[in-house]
Amino acid sequence: MARSKMWKVGLVLFTLMNLGGVIYGAAMGDPAHAGGHVALQLLGLVVWRFTRRLRDDELVPATKAVDEQRMEYLQQSVDAIALEVERIGEKQRFMDKLRVEGGQVPPLKNDK
């Protein structure tokens, strides 16, 4: 499932800010500042993965249910069409039978 562009832009900005914070903290000799940004980045990745799984788990059954409904509808439509084609064939055979019994010659079939 594709995420919206807004979330992707947010993720890139979050990552860049934390990378900048790590570089700044290291340049200033403040390991706590750099470590804080590393921890924030790791926490962000964990939350991102966790929420992705939740979204995927929630969407998959709903999608399967919709797909099953569509397949059922499609199957019913195909069955209805097959029934109508069979009725048309029966009508044609009956009309040909009546023509033969009435002395009329049925039309020639085109063999192309």
PDB file of N, CA and C in Angstrom:
ATOM      1  N   MET A   1       0.853  -1.169   0.000  1.00  0.00           N
ATOM      2  CA  MET A   1       0.000   0.000   0.000  1.00  0.00           C
ATOM      3  C   MET A   1       0.894   1.225   0.000  1.00  0.00           C
ATOM      4  N   ALA A   2       0.706   2.083  -0.945  1.00  0.00           N
ATOM      5  CA  ALA A   2       1.532   3.278  -1.066  1.00  0.00           C
ATOM      6  C   ALA A   2       1.125   4.311  -0.028  1.00  0.00           C
ATOM      7  N   ARG A   3       2.115   4.889   0.587  1.00  0.00           N
ATOM      8  CA  ARG A   3       1.840   5.952   1.550  1.00  0.00           C
ATOM      9  C   ARG A   3       1.737   7.264   0.802  1.00  0.00           C
ATOM     10  N   SER A   4       1.053   8.205   1.409  1.00  0.00           N
ATOM     11  CA  SER A   4       0.904   9.492   0.742  1.00  0.00           C
ATOM     12  C   SER A   4       2.245  10.226   0.697  1.00  0.00           C
ATOM     13  N   LYS A   5       2.366  11.147  -0.237  1.00  0.00           N
ATOM     14  CA  LYS A   5       3.605  11.895  -0.398  1.00  0.00           C
ATOM     15  C   LYS A   5       3.900  12.736   0.838  1.00  0.00           C
ATOM     16  N   MET A   6       2.858  13.227   1.489  1.00  0.00           N
ATOM     17  CA  MET A   6       3.059  14.056   2.678  1.00  0.00           C
ATOM     18  C   MET A   6       3.813  13.286   3.761  1.00  0.00           C
ATOM     19  N   TRP A   7       3.450  12.037   3.961  1.00  0.00           N
ATOM     20  CA  TRP A   7       4.127  11.235   4.979  1.00  0.00           C
ATOM     21  C   TRP A   7       5.567  10.959   4.592  1.00  0.00           C
ATOM     22  N   LYS A   8       5.801  10.735   3.313  1.00  0.00           N
ATOM     23  CA  LYS A   8       7.170  10.491   2.854  1.00  0.00           C
ATOM     24  C   LYS A   8       8.033  11.733   3.029  1.00  0.00           C
ATOM     25  N   VAL A   9       7.475  12.895   2.714  1.00  0.00           N
ATOM     26  CA  VAL A   9       8.212  14.147   2.911  1.00  0.00           C
ATOM     27  C   VAL A   9       8.500  14.338   4.400  1.00  0.00           C
ATOM     28  N   GLY A  10       7.514  14.062   5.236  1.00  0.00           N
ATOM     29  CA  GLY A  10       7.707  14.172   6.690  1.00  0.00           C
ATOM     30  C   GLY A  10       8.803  13.246   7.183  1.00  0.00           C
ATOM     31  N   LEU A  11       8.847  12.043   6.656  1.00  0.00           N
ATOM     32  CA  LEU A  11       9.874  11.089   7.061  1.00  0.00           C
ATOM     33  C   LEU A  11      11.262  11.573   6.651  1.00  0.00           C
ATOM     34  N   VAL A  12      11.366  12.109   5.458  1.00  0.00           N
ATOM     35  CA  VAL A  12      12.657  12.631   4.987  1.00  0.00           C
ATOM     36  C   VAL A  12      13.095  13.804   5.862  1.00  0.00           C
ATOM     37  N   LEU A  13      12.182  14.730   6.139  1.00  0.00           N
ATOM     38  CA  LEU A  13      12.525  15.876   6.991  1.00  0.00           C
ATOM     39  C   LEU A  13      12.928  15.430   8.400  1.00  0.00           C
ATOM     40  N   PHE A  14      12.202  14.487   8.960  1.00  0.00           N
ATOM     41  CA  PHE A  14      12.515  13.958  10.293  1.00  0.00           C
ATOM     42  C   PHE A  14      13.919  13.347  10.306  1.00  0.00           C
ATOM     43  N   THR A  15      14.227  12.587   9.262  1.00  0.00           N
ATOM     44  CA  THR A  15      15.542  11.947   9.169  1.00  0.00           C
ATOM     45  C   THR A  15      16.641  12.989   9.003  1.00  0.00           C
ATOM     46  N   LEU A  16      16.414  13.980   8.147  1.00  0.00           N
ATOM     47  CA  LEU A  16      17.423  15.025   7.947  1.00  0.00           C
ATOM     48  C   LEU A  16      17.665  15.844   9.212  1.00  0.00           C
ATOM     49  N   MET A  17      16.585  16.154   9.940  1.00  0.00           N
ATOM     50  CA  MET A  17      16.744  16.912  11.196  1.00  0.00           C
ATOM     51  C   MET A  17      17.551  16.107  12.205  1.00  0.00           C
ATOM     52  N   ASN A  18      17.276  14.823  12.302  1.00  0.00           N
ATOM     53  CA  ASN A  18      18.022  14.002  13.254  1.00  0.00           C
ATOM     54  C   ASN A  18      19.468  13.815  12.812  1.00  0.00           C
ATOM     55  N   LEU A  19      19.698  13.668  11.528  1.00  0.00           N
ATOM     56  CA  LEU A  19      21.069  13.573  11.027  1.00  0.00           C
ATOM     57  C   LEU A  19      21.830  14.868  11.319  1.00  0.00           C
ATOM     58  N   GLY A  20      21.168  16.002  11.067  1.00  0.00           N
ATOM     59  CA  GLY A  20      21.783  17.294  11.396  1.00  0.00           C
ATOM     60  C   GLY A  20      22.064  17.424  12.880  1.00  0.00           C
ATOM     61  N   GLY A  21      21.151  16.938  13.703  1.00  0.00           N
ATOM     62  CA  GLY A  21      21.354  16.992  15.159  1.00  0.00           C
ATOM     63  C   GLY A  21      22.526  16.142  15.600  1.00  0.00           C
ATOM     64  N   VAL A  22      22.692  14.975  14.972  1.00  0.00           N
ATOM     65  CA  VAL A  22      23.829  14.108  15.302  1.00  0.00           C
ATOM     66  C   VAL A  22      25.132  14.799  14.906  1.00  0.00           C
ATOM     67  N   ILE A  23      25.166  15.377  13.723  1.00  0.00           N
ATOM     68  CA  ILE A  23      26.377  16.060  13.256  1.00  0.00           C
ATOM     69  C   ILE A  23      26.677  17.268  14.146  1.00  0.00           C
ATOM     70  N   TYR A  24      25.656  18.048  14.459  1.00  0.00           N
ATOM     71  CA  TYR A  24      25.844  19.219  15.307  1.00  0.00           C
ATOM     72  C   TYR A  24      26.346  18.812  16.693  1.00  0.00           C
ATOM     73  N   GLY A  25      25.688  17.788  17.267  1.00  0.00           N
ATOM     74  CA  GLY A  25      26.108  17.336  18.597  1.00  0.00           C
ATOM     75  C   GLY A  25      27.536  16.827  18.600  1.00  0.00           C
ATOM     76  N   ALA A  26      27.923  16.100  17.565  1.00  0.00           N
ATOM     77  CA  ALA A  26      29.290  15.585  17.474  1.00  0.00           C
ATOM     78  C   ALA A  26      30.276  16.728  17.279  1.00  0.00           C
ATOM     79  N   ALA A  27      29.914  17.731  16.461  1.00  0.00           N
ATOM     80  CA  ALA A  27      30.810  18.858  16.204  1.00  0.00           C
ATOM     81  C   ALA A  27      31.000  19.710  17.452  1.00  0.00           C
ATOM     82  N   MET A  28      29.995  19.824  18.270  1.00  0.00           N
ATOM     83  CA  MET A  28      30.071  20.631  19.484  1.00  0.00           C
ATOM     84  C   MET A  28      30.624  19.844  20.671  1.00  0.00           C
ATOM     85  N   GLY A  29      30.906  18.591  20.461  1.00  0.00           N
ATOM     86  CA  GLY A  29      31.441  17.775  21.553  1.00  0.00           C
ATOM     87  C   GLY A  29      30.387  17.425  22.583  1.00  0.00           C
ATOM     88  N   ASP A  30      29.136  17.332  22.167  1.00  0.00           N
ATOM     89  CA  ASP A  30      28.035  17.015  23.089  1.00  0.00           C
ATOM     90  C   ASP A  30      27.467  15.650  22.712  1.00  0.00           C
ATOM     91  N   PRO A  31      28.019  14.563  23.284  1.00  0.00           N
ATOM     92  CA  PRO A  31      27.535  13.231  22.915  1.00  0.00           C
ATOM     93  C   PRO A  31      26.086  12.982  23.333  1.00  0.00           C
ATOM     94  N   ALA A  32      25.605  13.644  24.368  1.00  0.00           N
ATOM     95  CA  ALA A  32      24.211  13.455  24.790  1.00  0.00           C
ATOM     96  C   ALA A  32      23.258  13.983  23.716  1.00  0.00           C
ATOM     97  N   HIS A  33      23.631  15.129  23.130  1.00  0.00           N
ATOM     98  CA  HIS A  33      22.795  15.708  22.071  1.00  0.00           C
ATOM     99  C   HIS A  33      22.770  14.776  20.852  1.00  0.00           C
ATOM    100  N   ALA A  34      23.938  14.305  20.444  1.00  0.00           N
ATOM    101  CA  ALA A  34      24.015  13.391  19.301  1.00  0.00           C
ATOM    102  C   ALA A  34      23.277  12.091  19.601  1.00  0.00           C
ATOM    103  N   GLY A  35      23.448  11.555  20.796  1.00  0.00           N
ATOM    104  CA  GLY A  35      22.762  10.317  21.189  1.00  0.00           C
ATOM    105  C   GLY A  35      21.258  10.484  21.229  1.00  0.00           C
ATOM    106  N   GLY A  36      20.809  11.670  21.656  1.00  0.00           N
ATOM    107  CA  GLY A  36      19.370  11.938  21.677  1.00  0.00           C
ATOM    108  C   GLY A  36      18.763  11.879  20.277  1.00  0.00           C
ATOM    109  N   HIS A  37      19.475  12.434  19.293  1.00  0.00           N
ATOM    110  CA  HIS A  37      18.971  12.389  17.920  1.00  0.00           C
ATOM    111  C   HIS A  37      19.009  10.982  17.327  1.00  0.00           C
ATOM    112  N   VAL A  38      20.025  10.215  17.696  1.00  0.00           N
ATOM    113  CA  VAL A  38      20.076   8.815  17.254  1.00  0.00           C
ATOM    114  C   VAL A  38      18.889   8.056  17.839  1.00  0.00           C
ATOM    115  N   ALA A  39      18.612   8.287  19.129  1.00  0.00           N
ATOM    116  CA  ALA A  39      17.481   7.612  19.778  1.00  0.00           C
ATOM    117  C   ALA A  39      16.159   8.030  19.141  1.00  0.00           C
ATOM    118  N   LEU A  40      16.015   9.337  18.832  1.00  0.00           N
ATOM    119  CA  LEU A  40      14.786   9.797  18.185  1.00  0.00           C
ATOM    120  C   LEU A  40      14.594   9.140  16.819  1.00  0.00           C
ATOM    121  N   GLN A  41      15.691   9.021  16.070  1.00  0.00           N
ATOM    122  CA  GLN A  41      15.597   8.398  14.754  1.00  0.00           C
ATOM    123  C   GLN A  41      15.194   6.935  14.866  1.00  0.00           C
ATOM    124  N   LEU A  42      15.810   6.222  15.802  1.00  0.00           N
ATOM    125  CA  LEU A  42      15.454   4.811  15.998  1.00  0.00           C
ATOM    126  C   LEU A  42      14.010   4.663  16.447  1.00  0.00           C
ATOM    127  N   LEU A  43      13.576   5.535  17.353  1.00  0.00           N
ATOM    128  CA  LEU A  43      12.192   5.502  17.816  1.00  0.00           C
ATOM    129  C   LEU A  43      11.238   5.787  16.648  1.00  0.00           C
ATOM    130  N   GLY A  44      11.601   6.762  15.820  1.00  0.00           N
ATOM    131  CA  GLY A  44      10.774   7.076  14.655  1.00  0.00           C
ATOM    132  C   GLY A  44      10.651   5.897  13.705  1.00  0.00           C
ATOM    133  N   LEU A  45      11.751   5.199  13.479  1.00  0.00           N
ATOM    134  CA  LEU A  45      11.706   4.030  12.595  1.00  0.00           C
ATOM    135  C   LEU A  45      10.841   2.911  13.165  1.00  0.00           C
ATOM    136  N   VAL A  46      10.951   2.693  14.482  1.00  0.00           N
ATOM    137  CA  VAL A  46      10.131   1.653  15.124  1.00  0.00           C
ATOM    138  C   VAL A  46       8.654   1.997  15.005  1.00  0.00           C
ATOM    139  N   VAL A  47       8.312   3.246  15.294  1.00  0.00           N
ATOM    140  CA  VAL A  47       6.906   3.669  15.205  1.00  0.00           C
ATOM    141  C   VAL A  47       6.422   3.560  13.766  1.00  0.00           C
ATOM    142  N   TRP A  48       7.247   3.960  12.815  1.00  0.00           N
ATOM    143  CA  TRP A  48       6.890   3.893  11.397  1.00  0.00           C
ATOM    144  C   TRP A  48       6.587   2.458  10.976  1.00  0.00           C
ATOM    145  N   ARG A  49       7.456   1.536  11.359  1.00  0.00           N
ATOM    146  CA  ARG A  49       7.250   0.121  11.010  1.00  0.00           C
ATOM    147  C   ARG A  49       6.006  -0.445  11.696  1.00  0.00           C
ATOM    148  N   PHE A  50       5.829  -0.112  12.968  1.00  0.00           N
ATOM    149  CA  PHE A  50       4.695  -0.639  13.730  1.00  0.00           C
ATOM    150  C   PHE A  50       3.372  -0.147  13.146  1.00  0.00           C
ATOM    151  N   THR A  51       3.297   1.147  12.857  1.00  0.00           N
ATOM    152  CA  THR A  51       2.044   1.672  12.304  1.00  0.00           C
ATOM    153  C   THR A  51       1.815   1.144  10.895  1.00  0.00           C
ATOM    154  N   ARG A  52       2.874   0.887  10.155  1.00  0.00           N
ATOM    155  CA  ARG A  52       2.730   0.317   8.814  1.00  0.00           C
ATOM    156  C   ARG A  52       2.106  -1.071   8.908  1.00  0.00           C
ATOM    157  N   ARG A  53       2.589  -1.868   9.850  1.00  0.00           N
ATOM    158  CA  ARG A  53       2.010  -3.217  10.031  1.00  0.00           C
ATOM    159  C   ARG A  53       0.550  -3.139  10.428  1.00  0.00           C
ATOM    160  N   LEU A  54       0.231  -2.204  11.328  1.00  0.00           N
ATOM    161  CA  LEU A  54      -1.160  -2.066  11.745  1.00  0.00           C
ATOM    162  C   LEU A  54      -2.048  -1.676  10.570  1.00  0.00           C
ATOM    163  N   ARG A  55      -1.593  -0.724   9.761  1.00  0.00           N
ATOM    164  CA  ARG A  55      -2.382  -0.318   8.597  1.00  0.00           C
ATOM    165  C   ARG A  55      -2.548  -1.477   7.628  1.00  0.00           C
ATOM    166  N   ASP A  56      -1.472  -2.202   7.374  1.00  0.00           N
ATOM    167  CA  ASP A  56      -1.542  -3.335   6.452  1.00  0.00           C
ATOM    168  C   ASP A  56      -2.477  -4.413   6.978  1.00  0.00           C
ATOM    169  N   ASP A  57      -2.402  -4.705   8.278  1.00  0.00           N
ATOM    170  CA  ASP A  57      -3.266  -5.730   8.860  1.00  0.00           C
ATOM    171  C   ASP A  57      -4.728  -5.320   8.818  1.00  0.00           C
ATOM    172  N   GLU A  58      -4.994  -4.028   9.000  1.00  0.00           N
ATOM    173  CA  GLU A  58      -6.372  -3.564   8.980  1.00  0.00           C
ATOM    174  C   GLU A  58      -6.936  -3.536   7.560  1.00  0.00           C
ATOM    175  N   LEU A  59      -6.106  -3.225   6.583  1.00  0.00           N
ATOM    176  CA  LEU A  59      -6.590  -3.063   5.221  1.00  0.00           C
ATOM    177  C   LEU A  59      -6.730  -4.382   4.478  1.00  0.00           C
ATOM    178  N   VAL A  60      -5.906  -5.346   4.775  1.00  0.00           N
ATOM    179  CA  VAL A  60      -5.917  -6.588   4.009  1.00  0.00           C
ATOM    180  C   VAL A  60      -7.246  -7.326   4.125  1.00  0.00           C
ATOM    181  N   PRO A  61      -7.796  -7.550   5.328  1.00  0.00           N
ATOM    182  CA  PRO A  61      -9.082  -8.261   5.376  1.00  0.00           C
ATOM    183  C   PRO A  61     -10.195  -7.494   4.674  1.00  0.00           C
ATOM    184  N   ALA A  62     -10.205  -6.170   4.803  1.00  0.00           N
ATOM    185  CA  ALA A  62     -11.247  -5.393   4.143  1.00  0.00           C
ATOM    186  C   ALA A  62     -11.116  -5.519   2.632  1.00  0.00           C
ATOM    187  N   THR A  63      -9.908  -5.485   2.141  1.00  0.00           N
ATOM    188  CA  THR A  63      -9.679  -5.618   0.703  1.00  0.00           C
ATOM    189  C   THR A  63     -10.095  -7.005   0.236  1.00  0.00           C
ATOM    190  N   LYS A  64      -9.769  -8.029   1.019  1.00  0.00           N
ATOM    191  CA  LYS A  64     -10.162  -9.386   0.637  1.00  0.00           C
ATOM    192  C   LYS A  64     -11.676  -9.524   0.597  1.00  0.00           C
ATOM    193  N   ALA A  65     -12.366  -8.912   1.558  1.00  0.00           N
ATOM    194  CA  ALA A  65     -13.825  -8.994   1.582  1.00  0.00           C
ATOM    195  C   ALA A  65     -14.418  -8.320   0.350  1.00  0.00           C
ATOM    196  N   VAL A  66     -13.880  -7.165  -0.022  1.00  0.00           N
ATOM    197  CA  VAL A  66     -14.370  -6.466  -1.211  1.00  0.00           C
ATOM    198  C   VAL A  66     -14.082  -7.292  -2.455  1.00  0.00           C
ATOM    199  N   ASP A  67     -12.879  -7.870  -2.528  1.00  0.00           N
ATOM    200  CA  ASP A  67     -12.536  -8.710  -3.679  1.00  0.00           C
ATOM    201  C   ASP A  67     -13.450  -9.920  -3.776  1.00  0.00           C
ATOM    202  N   GLU A  68     -13.761 -10.529  -2.641  1.00  0.00           N
ATOM    203  CA  GLU A  68     -14.661 -11.684  -2.649  1.00  0.00           C
ATOM    204  C   GLU A  68     -16.059 -11.282  -3.102  1.00  0.00           C
ATOM    205  N   GLN A  69     -16.527 -10.110  -2.673  1.00  0.00           N
ATOM    206  CA  GLN A  69     -17.844  -9.635  -3.107  1.00  0.00           C
ATOM    207  C   GLN A  69     -17.843  -9.387  -4.609  1.00  0.00           C
ATOM    208  N   ARG A  70     -16.780  -8.790  -5.117  1.00  0.00           N
ATOM    209  CA  ARG A  70     -16.702  -8.529  -6.549  1.00  0.00           C
ATOM    210  C   ARG A  70     -16.666  -9.831  -7.339  1.00  0.00           C
ATOM    211  N   MET A  71     -15.905 -10.795  -6.859  1.00  0.00           N
ATOM    212  CA  MET A  71     -15.833 -12.089  -7.556  1.00  0.00           C
ATOM    213  C   MET A  71     -17.193 -12.775  -7.539  1.00  0.00           C
ATOM    214  N   GLU A  72     -17.904 -12.707  -6.427  1.00  0.00           N
ATOM    215  CA  GLU A  72     -19.231 -13.314  -6.340  1.00  0.00           C
ATOM    216  C   GLU A  72     -20.186 -12.644  -7.322  1.00  0.00           C
ATOM    217  N   TYR A  73     -20.136 -11.315  -7.377  1.00  0.00           N
ATOM    218  CA  TYR A  73     -20.974 -10.569  -8.323  1.00  0.00           C
ATOM    219  C   TYR A  73     -20.629 -10.931  -9.758  1.00  0.00           C
ATOM    220  N   LEU A  74     -19.339 -11.018 -10.042  1.00  0.00           N
ATOM    221  CA  LEU A  74     -18.895 -11.389 -11.389  1.00  0.00           C
ATOM    222  C   LEU A  74     -19.366 -12.802 -11.744  1.00  0.00           C
ATOM    223  N   GLN A  75     -19.268 -13.735 -10.803  1.00  0.00           N
ATOM    224  CA  GLN A  75     -19.712 -15.107 -11.051  1.00  0.00           C
ATOM    225  C   GLN A  75     -21.212 -15.157 -11.323  1.00  0.00           C
ATOM    226  N   GLN A  76     -21.980 -14.388 -10.552  1.00  0.00           N
ATOM    227  CA  GLN A  76     -23.426 -14.351 -10.775  1.00  0.00           C
ATOM    228  C   GLN A  76     -23.750 -13.766 -12.151  1.00  0.00           C
ATOM    229  N   SER A  77     -22.999 -12.747 -12.551  1.00  0.00           N
ATOM    230  CA  SER A  77     -23.219 -12.135 -13.865  1.00  0.00           C
ATOM    231  C   SER A  77     -22.908 -13.119 -14.985  1.00  0.00           C
ATOM    232  N   VAL A  78     -21.813 -13.837 -14.863  1.00  0.00           N
ATOM    233  CA  VAL A  78     -21.446 -14.821 -15.881  1.00  0.00           C
ATOM    234  C   VAL A  78     -22.487 -15.936 -15.937  1.00  0.00           C
ATOM    235  N   ASP A  79     -22.966 -16.380 -14.799  1.00  0.00           N
ATOM    236  CA  ASP A  79     -24.012 -17.417 -14.774  1.00  0.00           C
ATOM    237  C   ASP A  79     -25.286 -16.930 -15.447  1.00  0.00           C
ATOM    238  N   ALA A  80     -25.660 -15.668 -15.198  1.00  0.00           N
ATOM    239  CA  ALA A  80     -26.868 -15.121 -15.818  1.00  0.00           C
ATOM    240  C   ALA A  80     -26.707 -15.033 -17.328  1.00  0.00           C
ATOM    241  N   ILE A  81     -25.534 -14.622 -17.783  1.00  0.00           N
ATOM    242  CA  ILE A  81     -25.284 -14.539 -19.228  1.00  0.00           C
ATOM    243  C   ILE A  81     -25.330 -15.932 -19.852  1.00  0.00           C
ATOM    244  N   ALA A  82     -24.723 -16.909 -19.187  1.00  0.00           N
ATOM    245  CA  ALA A  82     -24.732 -18.277 -19.711  1.00  0.00           C
ATOM    246  C   ALA A  82     -26.157 -18.811 -19.816  1.00  0.00           C
ATOM    247  N   LEU A  83     -26.986 -18.498 -18.831  1.00  0.00           N
ATOM    248  CA  LEU A  83     -28.382 -18.938 -18.859  1.00  0.00           C
ATOM    249  C   LEU A  83     -29.125 -18.301 -20.034  1.00  0.00           C
ATOM    250  N   GLU A  84     -28.911 -17.015 -20.260  1.00  0.00           N
ATOM    251  CA  GLU A  84     -29.572 -16.338 -21.377  1.00  0.00           C
ATOM    252  C   GLU A  84     -29.102 -16.877 -22.719  1.00  0.00           C
ATOM    253  N   VAL A  85     -27.815 -17.162 -22.856  1.00  0.00           N
ATOM    254  CA  VAL A  85     -27.298 -17.735 -24.102  1.00  0.00           C
ATOM    255  C   VAL A  85     -27.919 -19.107 -24.343  1.00  0.00           C
ATOM    256  N   GLU A  86     -28.060 -19.893 -23.305  1.00  0.00           N
ATOM    257  CA  GLU A  86     -28.690 -21.208 -23.438  1.00  0.00           C
ATOM    258  C   GLU A  86     -30.153 -21.067 -23.872  1.00  0.00           C
ATOM    259  N   ARG A  87     -30.852 -20.080 -23.312  1.00  0.00           N
ATOM    260  CA  ARG A  87     -32.243 -19.851 -23.706  1.00  0.00           C
ATOM    261  C   ARG A  87     -32.337 -19.435 -25.169  1.00  0.00           C
ATOM    262  N   ILE A  88     -31.413 -18.590 -25.605  1.00  0.00           N
ATOM    263  CA  ILE A  88     -31.404 -18.175 -27.013  1.00  0.00           C
ATOM    264  C   ILE A  88     -31.161 -19.385 -27.908  1.00  0.00           C
ATOM    265  N   GLY A  89     -30.234 -20.257 -27.522  1.00  0.00           N
ATOM    266  CA  GLY A  89     -29.963 -21.472 -28.294  1.00  0.00           C
ATOM    267  C   GLY A  89     -31.174 -22.388 -28.355  1.00  0.00           C
ATOM    268  N   GLU A  90     -31.861 -22.548 -27.238  1.00  0.00           N
ATOM    269  CA  GLU A  90     -33.073 -23.386 -27.214  1.00  0.00           C
ATOM    270  C   GLU A  90     -34.147 -22.804 -28.124  1.00  0.00           C
ATOM    271  N   LYS A  91     -34.305 -21.488 -28.091  1.00  0.00           N
ATOM    272  CA  LYS A  91     -35.299 -20.838 -28.949  1.00  0.00           C
ATOM    273  C   LYS A  91     -34.949 -21.054 -30.413  1.00  0.00           C
ATOM    274  N   GLN A  92     -33.683 -20.931 -30.765  1.00  0.00           N
ATOM    275  CA  GLN A  92     -33.246 -21.124 -32.144  1.00  0.00           C
ATOM    276  C   GLN A  92     -33.494 -22.564 -32.597  1.00  0.00           C
ATOM    277  N   ARG A  93     -33.163 -23.525 -31.730  1.00  0.00           N
ATOM    278  CA  ARG A  93     -33.405 -24.926 -32.087  1.00  0.00           C
ATOM    279  C   ARG A  93     -34.897 -25.201 -32.262  1.00  0.00           C
ATOM    280  N   PHE A  94     -35.721 -24.617 -31.397  1.00  0.00           N
ATOM    281  CA  PHE A  94     -37.161 -24.802 -31.490  1.00  0.00           C
ATOM    282  C   PHE A  94     -37.699 -24.193 -32.777  1.00  0.00           C
ATOM    283  N   MET A  95     -37.237 -22.993 -33.131  1.00  0.00           N
ATOM    284  CA  MET A  95     -37.690 -22.342 -34.360  1.00  0.00           C
ATOM    285  C   MET A  95     -37.265 -23.151 -35.586  1.00  0.00           C
ATOM    286  N   ASP A  96     -36.047 -23.693 -35.579  1.00  0.00           N
ATOM    287  CA  ASP A  96     -35.590 -24.528 -36.688  1.00  0.00           C
ATOM    288  C   ASP A  96     -36.452 -25.786 -36.801  1.00  0.00           C
ATOM    289  N   LYS A  97     -36.800 -26.364 -35.675  1.00  0.00           N
ATOM    290  CA  LYS A  97     -37.646 -27.570 -35.667  1.00  0.00           C
ATOM    291  C   LYS A  97     -39.021 -27.256 -36.260  1.00  0.00           C
ATOM    292  N   LEU A  98     -39.591 -26.108 -35.882  1.00  0.00           N
ATOM    293  CA  LEU A  98     -40.892 -25.714 -36.423  1.00  0.00           C
ATOM    294  C   LEU A  98     -40.814 -25.472 -37.937  1.00  0.00           C
ATOM    295  N   ARG A  99     -39.737 -24.882 -38.401  1.00  0.00           N
ATOM    296  CA  ARG A  99     -39.565 -24.636 -39.835  1.00  0.00           C
ATOM    297  C   ARG A  99     -39.486 -25.955 -40.604  1.00  0.00           C
ATOM    298  N   VAL A 100     -38.736 -26.908 -40.044  1.00  0.00           N
ATOM    299  CA  VAL A 100     -38.597 -28.204 -40.711  1.00  0.00           C
ATOM    300  C   VAL A 100     -39.951 -28.913 -40.743  1.00  0.00           C
ATOM    301  N   GLU A 101     -40.674 -28.892 -39.639  1.00  0.00           N
ATOM    302  CA  GLU A 101     -41.977 -29.552 -39.590  1.00  0.00           C
ATOM    303  C   GLU A 101     -42.993 -28.855 -40.475  1.00  0.00           C
ATOM    304  N   GLY A 102     -42.837 -27.545 -40.674  1.00  0.00           N
ATOM    305  CA  GLY A 102     -43.780 -26.794 -41.508  1.00  0.00           C
ATOM    306  C   GLY A 102     -43.429 -26.831 -42.983  1.00  0.00           C
ATOM    307  N   GLY A 103     -42.372 -27.562 -43.338  1.00  0.00           N
ATOM    308  CA  GLY A 103     -42.002 -27.678 -44.728  1.00  0.00           C
ATOM    309  C   GLY A 103     -41.023 -26.588 -45.177  1.00  0.00           C
ATOM    310  N   GLN A 104     -40.662 -25.721 -44.281  1.00  0.00           N
ATOM    311  CA  GLN A 104     -39.693 -24.677 -44.635  1.00  0.00           C
ATOM    312  C   GLN A 104     -38.292 -25.220 -44.399  1.00  0.00           C
ATOM    313  N   VAL A 105     -37.394 -24.812 -45.263  1.00  0.00           N
ATOM    314  CA  VAL A 105     -36.001 -25.248 -45.100  1.00  0.00           C
ATOM    315  C   VAL A 105     -35.310 -24.237 -44.186  1.00  0.00           C
ATOM    316  N   PRO A 106     -34.624 -24.739 -43.166  1.00  0.00           N
ATOM    317  CA  PRO A 106     -33.922 -23.789 -42.287  1.00  0.00           C
ATOM    318  C   PRO A 106     -32.824 -23.061 -43.050  1.00  0.00           C
ATOM    319  N   PRO A 107     -32.500 -21.849 -42.676  1.00  0.00           N
ATOM    320  CA  PRO A 107     -31.456 -21.111 -43.380  1.00  0.00           C
ATOM    321  C   PRO A 107     -30.121 -21.824 -43.288  1.00  0.00           C
ATOM    322  N   LEU A 108     -29.326 -21.674 -44.349  1.00  0.00           N
ATOM    323  CA  LEU A 108     -27.998 -22.309 -44.360  1.00  0.00           C
ATOM    324  C   LEU A 108     -27.079 -21.607 -43.384  1.00  0.00           C
ATOM    325  N   LYS A 109     -26.263 -22.413 -42.770  1.00  0.00           N
ATOM    326  CA  LYS A 109     -25.284 -21.834 -41.849  1.00  0.00           C
ATOM    327  C   LYS A 109     -24.075 -21.404 -42.648  1.00  0.00           C
ATOM    328  N   ASN A 110     -23.510 -20.289 -42.292  1.00  0.00           N
ATOM    329  CA  ASN A 110     -22.298 -19.794 -42.966  1.00  0.00           C
ATOM    330  C   ASN A 110     -21.092 -20.455 -42.349  1.00  0.00           C
ATOM    331  N   ASP A 111     -20.357 -21.202 -43.143  1.00  0.00           N
ATOM    332  CA  ASP A 111     -19.118 -21.836 -42.664  1.00  0.00           C
ATOM    333  C   ASP A 111     -17.955 -20.996 -43.149  1.00  0.00           C
ATOM    334  N   LYS A 112     -17.551 -20.085 -42.352  1.00  0.00           N
ATOM    335  CA  LYS A 112     -16.429 -19.212 -42.726  1.00  0.00           C
ATOM    336  C   LYS A 112     -15.181 -19.601 -42.007  1.00  0.00           C
TER     337      LYS A 112
END
